[in-house]
Every structure is written in C-alpha cells, then in structure tokens.
Amino acid sequence: MKFAQLSIGLRFRYQEREYIKTSPLMAEPVDEGTGRLIPRSAEVTPLDTQPPRVKIPKEIPVDALNHAMGRLTSEINDIIADSGLDAQQANRLARDLQQALNRARQALHLNP
C-alpha cells in the first residue's frame, strides 16, 4: 500500500520501523524519535485497519491552537527547505503559505 492511501491515525511499518501517520506527509515513530516526512509514493505495510476513535473536544484551549499552528508553520518551512526548489520558488511558496496560515489564524482569532 502507498503511504498516500493510508488514513491518518493508522499504524504502519516503513523501513523496518513502526509509525503512526499524523498528516498527509508526516508520521511519528511508535517508539522514541522525531517525526519524519514520508513520500506519498512510499510502500508501507499497514498494521491497523481502522484509526483509533478520537473524542473531539467541544472547545480547544487557545494556547493549544497557537502551539499547533506554530508547529504546522515549522513543519511547512522544513518541507519547503527540503523540497529542492530554487531559492526564488521556495521564498514565493513560503510567502504564499504564510499568508494562508495568517488568514487561518485570523479566522480562528489567534495571535499572529
């Protein structure tokens, strides 16, 4: 199965390690370690058939939202840096994505 076909929240095996898919491009190791970018076309072995049921809170603390947005911004910048784009393309993409993130923060009434 390709990584892109795997649902977020499912455990899988890739390069002899177990991970949990955390976003369309990222996964966190089940054991210790930092998250990593997994190519969408990477062949993975699913270990779960359904993601765990998650209870979604009615309210999310503003600090948690700010932290999540900061982490998202950092991960996006890392992806752009590793993309192989030339400096002009990378800067244009980073600027456009930052503007989109700023609009999201405004819609959520979060600090810029």
Protein backbone atom coordinates (compact mmCIF):
# COMPACT_ATOMS: atom_id res chain seq x y z
CA MET A 1 0.00 0.00 0.00
CA LYS A 2 1.20 3.54 -0.73
CA PHE A 3 1.62 5.98 2.16
CA ALA A 4 -0.88 8.35 0.49
CA GLN A 5 -3.57 5.64 0.69
CA LEU A 6 -3.14 5.20 4.44
CA SER A 7 -5.60 7.04 6.70
CA ILE A 8 -4.29 9.48 9.30
CA GLY A 9 -4.04 7.82 12.69
CA LEU A 10 -3.16 4.35 11.40
CA ARG A 11 -0.04 2.49 12.42
CA PHE A 12 2.21 1.15 9.66
CA ARG A 13 5.65 -0.31 9.05
CA TYR A 14 8.17 1.53 6.85
CA GLN A 15 11.85 0.74 6.51
CA GLU A 16 11.66 -1.76 9.39
CA ARG A 17 10.16 0.76 11.89
CA GLU A 18 6.61 1.28 13.11
CA TYR A 19 5.00 4.69 12.67
CA ILE A 20 1.65 6.42 13.09
CA LYS A 21 0.51 8.60 10.20
CA THR A 22 -0.04 12.11 11.59
CA SER A 23 -0.64 14.13 8.40
CA PRO A 24 -0.74 13.58 4.65
CA LEU A 25 3.08 13.79 4.57
CA MET A 26 4.26 13.12 8.14
CA ALA A 27 4.50 10.21 10.53
CA GLU A 28 5.65 9.80 14.14
CA PRO A 29 7.56 6.69 15.22
CA VAL A 30 5.71 4.44 17.67
CA ASP A 31 8.88 4.20 19.77
CA GLU A 32 11.17 7.13 20.51
CA GLY A 33 12.23 9.55 17.84
CA THR A 34 11.10 12.55 15.89
CA GLY A 35 8.53 12.69 13.16
CA ARG A 36 9.59 12.36 9.59
CA LEU A 37 8.42 13.14 6.11
CA ILE A 38 7.26 10.02 4.28
CA PRO A 39 6.97 10.19 0.48
CA ARG A 40 3.38 9.81 -0.68
CA SER A 41 4.52 7.05 -3.05
CA ALA A 42 6.40 5.09 -0.36
CA GLU A 43 5.34 1.47 0.02
CA VAL A 44 4.17 0.86 3.61
CA THR A 45 2.67 -2.10 5.44
CA PRO A 46 -0.49 -1.17 7.36
CA LEU A 47 -0.68 -2.55 10.91
CA ASP A 48 -4.17 -1.21 11.78
CA THR A 49 -7.38 -1.50 9.81
CA GLN A 50 -9.12 1.49 11.41
CA PRO A 51 -7.78 4.58 13.14
CA PRO A 52 -8.45 4.82 16.87
CA ARG A 53 -11.63 6.66 17.75
CA VAL A 54 -10.78 10.10 19.00
CA LYS A 55 -13.08 12.16 21.15
CA ILE A 56 -13.04 15.70 19.79
CA PRO A 57 -13.42 18.34 22.50
CA LYS A 58 -16.09 20.99 22.09
CA GLU A 59 -13.54 23.67 22.93
CA ILE A 60 -9.80 23.73 22.32
CA PRO A 61 -7.64 25.99 24.52
CA VAL A 62 -6.19 28.97 22.66
CA ASP A 63 -2.67 28.05 23.81
CA ALA A 64 -3.06 24.60 22.25
CA LEU A 65 -4.26 26.11 18.96
CA ASN A 66 -1.38 28.60 18.92
CA HIS A 67 1.08 25.78 19.61
CA ALA A 68 -0.41 23.62 16.84
CA MET A 69 -0.29 26.49 14.34
CA GLY A 70 3.33 27.20 15.28
CA ARG A 71 4.26 23.56 14.81
CA LEU A 72 2.43 23.45 11.48
CA THR A 73 4.32 26.54 10.31
CA SER A 74 7.61 24.98 11.36
CA GLU A 75 6.85 21.70 9.58
CA ILE A 76 5.80 23.53 6.41
CA ASN A 77 9.04 25.51 6.46
CA ASP A 78 11.03 22.27 6.86
CA ILE A 79 9.17 20.69 3.94
CA ILE A 80 9.87 23.72 1.75
CA ALA A 81 13.55 23.71 2.75
CA ASP A 82 13.83 20.03 1.79
CA SER A 83 11.79 20.39 -1.41
CA GLY A 84 14.65 21.04 -3.80
CA LEU A 85 13.03 24.23 -5.08
CA ASP A 86 15.36 27.05 -6.03
CA ALA A 87 15.55 30.00 -3.61
CA GLN A 88 13.09 32.17 -5.54
CA GLN A 89 10.48 29.40 -5.79
CA ALA A 90 10.95 28.41 -2.14
CA ASN A 91 10.58 32.01 -0.97
CA ARG A 92 7.44 32.53 -3.07
CA LEU A 93 5.90 29.31 -1.76
CA ALA A 94 6.82 30.15 1.85
CA ARG A 95 5.30 33.63 1.49
CA ASP A 96 2.07 32.29 -0.03
CA LEU A 97 1.72 29.60 2.64
CA GLN A 98 2.45 32.09 5.42
CA GLN A 99 -0.32 34.33 4.10
CA ALA A 100 -2.69 31.34 4.12
CA LEU A 101 -1.66 30.48 7.69
CA ASN A 102 -2.20 34.11 8.74
CA ARG A 103 -5.72 34.01 7.26
CA ALA A 104 -6.40 30.81 9.19
CA ARG A 105 -5.12 32.42 12.41
CA GLN A 106 -7.36 35.45 11.81
CA ALA A 107 -10.38 33.22 11.20
CA LEU A 108 -9.63 31.42 14.49
CA HIS A 109 -8.99 34.71 16.31
CA LEU A 110 -5.44 33.63 17.24
CA ASN A 111 -2.33 35.73 17.77
CA PRO A 112 -0.36 36.36 14.56
